[in-house]
C-alpha atoms as a PDB file:
ATOM      1  CA  UNK A   1     -18.907   5.621 -11.234  1.00  0.00           C
ATOM      2  CA  UNK A   2     -15.751   3.621 -10.633  1.00  0.00           C
ATOM      3  CA  UNK A   3     -13.235   4.601  -8.020  1.00  0.00           C
ATOM      4  CA  UNK A   4      -9.549   5.041  -8.876  1.00  0.00           C
ATOM      5  CA  UNK A   5      -8.458   1.616  -7.641  1.00  0.00           C
ATOM      6  CA  UNK A   6     -11.140  -0.094  -9.716  1.00  0.00           C
ATOM      7  CA  UNK A   7     -10.013   1.891 -12.768  1.00  0.00           C
ATOM      8  CA  UNK A   8      -6.407   0.881 -12.186  1.00  0.00           C
ATOM      9  CA  UNK A   9      -7.551  -2.689 -11.694  1.00  0.00           C
ATOM     10  CA  UNK A  10      -9.412  -2.677 -14.989  1.00  0.00           C
ATOM     11  CA  UNK A  11      -6.292  -1.463 -16.782  1.00  0.00           C
ATOM     12  CA  UNK A  12      -4.190  -4.187 -15.209  1.00  0.00           C
ATOM     13  CA  UNK A  13      -6.707  -6.917 -16.004  1.00  0.00           C
ATOM     14  CA  UNK A  14      -6.672  -5.894 -19.646  1.00  0.00           C
ATOM     15  CA  UNK A  15      -2.895  -6.140 -19.723  1.00  0.00           C
ATOM     16  CA  UNK A  16      -1.450  -9.248 -21.324  1.00  0.00           C
ATOM     17  CA  UNK A  17       1.510  -9.112 -18.928  1.00  0.00           C
ATOM     18  CA  UNK A  18      -0.430 -10.177 -15.845  1.00  0.00           C
ATOM     19  CA  UNK A  19       0.945 -12.964 -13.748  1.00  0.00           C
ATOM     20  CA  UNK A  20      -1.249 -15.475 -11.983  1.00  0.00           C
ATOM     21  CA  UNK A  21      -0.407 -13.716  -8.702  1.00  0.00           C
ATOM     22  CA  UNK A  22      -1.484 -10.363 -10.150  1.00  0.00           C
ATOM     23  CA  UNK A  23      -4.815 -11.887 -11.121  1.00  0.00           C
ATOM     24  CA  UNK A  24      -5.261 -13.363  -7.664  1.00  0.00           C
ATOM     25  CA  UNK A  25      -4.389 -10.057  -6.024  1.00  0.00           C
ATOM     26  CA  UNK A  26      -6.821  -8.194  -8.264  1.00  0.00           C
ATOM     27  CA  UNK A  27      -9.536 -10.629  -7.284  1.00  0.00           C
ATOM     28  CA  UNK A  28      -8.687 -10.167  -3.603  1.00  0.00           C
ATOM     29  CA  UNK A  29      -8.855  -6.404  -3.999  1.00  0.00           C
ATOM     30  CA  UNK A  30     -12.174  -6.511  -5.840  1.00  0.00           C
ATOM     31  CA  UNK A  31     -13.875  -8.945  -3.462  1.00  0.00           C
ATOM     32  CA  UNK A  32     -12.776  -6.919  -0.432  1.00  0.00           C
ATOM     33  CA  UNK A  33     -13.804  -3.644  -2.102  1.00  0.00           C
ATOM     34  CA  UNK A  34     -17.202  -5.146  -2.927  1.00  0.00           C
ATOM     35  CA  UNK A  35     -17.606  -6.286   0.689  1.00  0.00           C
ATOM     36  CA  UNK A  36     -17.805  -9.955  -0.244  1.00  0.00           C
ATOM     37  CA  UNK A  37     -14.957 -10.942   2.092  1.00  0.00           C
ATOM     38  CA  UNK A  38     -12.681  -9.411   4.669  1.00  0.00           C
ATOM     39  CA  UNK A  39      -9.080  -8.995   3.591  1.00  0.00           C
ATOM     40  CA  UNK A  40      -8.031 -11.921   5.770  1.00  0.00           C
ATOM     41  CA  UNK A  41     -10.740 -14.143   4.284  1.00  0.00           C
ATOM     42  CA  UNK A  42      -9.921 -13.181   0.700  1.00  0.00           C
ATOM     43  CA  UNK A  43      -6.181 -13.689   1.140  1.00  0.00           C
ATOM     44  CA  UNK A  44      -6.797 -17.163   2.521  1.00  0.00           C
ATOM     45  CA  UNK A  45      -9.419 -18.058  -0.089  1.00  0.00           C
ATOM     46  CA  UNK A  46      -7.255 -17.017  -3.040  1.00  0.00           C
ATOM     47  CA  UNK A  47      -4.035 -18.291  -1.455  1.00  0.00           C
ATOM     48  CA  UNK A  48      -2.248 -14.942  -1.472  1.00  0.00           C
ATOM     49  CA  UNK A  49       0.342 -14.076   1.154  1.00  0.00           C
ATOM     50  CA  UNK A  50      -0.094 -10.664   2.816  1.00  0.00           C
ATOM     51  CA  UNK A  51       3.393  -9.639   1.622  1.00  0.00           C
ATOM     52  CA  UNK A  52       2.501 -10.531  -1.973  1.00  0.00           C
ATOM     53  CA  UNK A  53      -0.685  -8.494  -1.746  1.00  0.00           C
ATOM     54  CA  UNK A  54       1.149  -5.487  -0.299  1.00  0.00           C
ATOM     55  CA  UNK A  55       3.701  -5.729  -3.112  1.00  0.00           C
ATOM     56  CA  UNK A  56       0.856  -5.783  -5.639  1.00  0.00           C
ATOM     57  CA  UNK A  57      -0.749  -2.699  -4.058  1.00  0.00           C
ATOM     58  CA  UNK A  58       2.592  -0.864  -4.090  1.00  0.00           C
ATOM     59  CA  UNK A  59       3.007  -1.633  -7.794  1.00  0.00           C
ATOM     60  CA  UNK A  60      -0.495  -0.281  -8.456  1.00  0.00           C
ATOM     61  CA  UNK A  61       0.267   2.954  -6.633  1.00  0.00           C
ATOM     62  CA  UNK A  62       3.553   3.406  -8.478  1.00  0.00           C
ATOM     63  CA  UNK A  63       1.860   2.782 -11.839  1.00  0.00           C
ATOM     64  CA  UNK A  64      -0.870   5.286 -10.986  1.00  0.00           C
ATOM     65  CA  UNK A  65       1.622   7.929  -9.875  1.00  0.00           C
ATOM     66  CA  UNK A  66       3.675   7.405 -13.000  1.00  0.00           C
ATOM     67  CA  UNK A  67       0.576   7.787 -15.139  1.00  0.00           C
ATOM     68  CA  UNK A  68      -0.592  11.023 -13.528  1.00  0.00           C
ATOM     69  CA  UNK A  69       2.867  12.575 -13.578  1.00  0.00           C
ATOM     70  CA  UNK A  70       3.869  11.477 -17.086  1.00  0.00           C
ATOM     71  CA  UNK A  71       2.291  14.524 -18.687  1.00  0.00           C
ATOM     72  CA  UNK A  72       3.195  16.951 -15.928  1.00  0.00           C
ATOM     73  CA  UNK A  73       5.707  19.674 -16.624  1.00  0.00           C
ATOM     74  CA  UNK A  74       8.705  20.081 -14.357  1.00  0.00           C
ATOM     75  CA  UNK A  75       7.212  23.278 -12.903  1.00  0.00           C
ATOM     76  CA  UNK A  76       3.995  21.444 -12.001  1.00  0.00           C
ATOM     77  CA  UNK A  77       6.005  18.653 -10.379  1.00  0.00           C
ATOM     78  CA  UNK A  78       8.130  21.164  -8.473  1.00  0.00           C
ATOM     79  CA  UNK A  79       4.964  22.854  -7.195  1.00  0.00           C
ATOM     80  CA  UNK A  80       3.511  19.497  -6.165  1.00  0.00           C
ATOM     81  CA  UNK A  81       6.655  18.454  -4.312  1.00  0.00           C
ATOM     82  CA  UNK A  82       7.207  21.802  -2.605  1.00  0.00           C
ATOM     83  CA  UNK A  83       3.570  21.970  -1.438  1.00  0.00           C
ATOM     84  CA  UNK A  84       4.369  19.438   1.269  1.00  0.00           C
END
């Protein structure tokens, strides 16, 4: 069974709007997740700056949050926000 980040990654890979940096970042994420490399090793190997990778991760989180809240009603969102 795939975890959420792998699922998000699959969706992004299938997108025709991926940049070369997105593809590199996805590869970094997958190789680190699989235990093939440490994050430092993968960033160096795929020539990705840490700031670029963090930006990529932030975009993934935002896309995921948008997706899970797109169908939510305002009362569900209010409950979610007020729970914290």
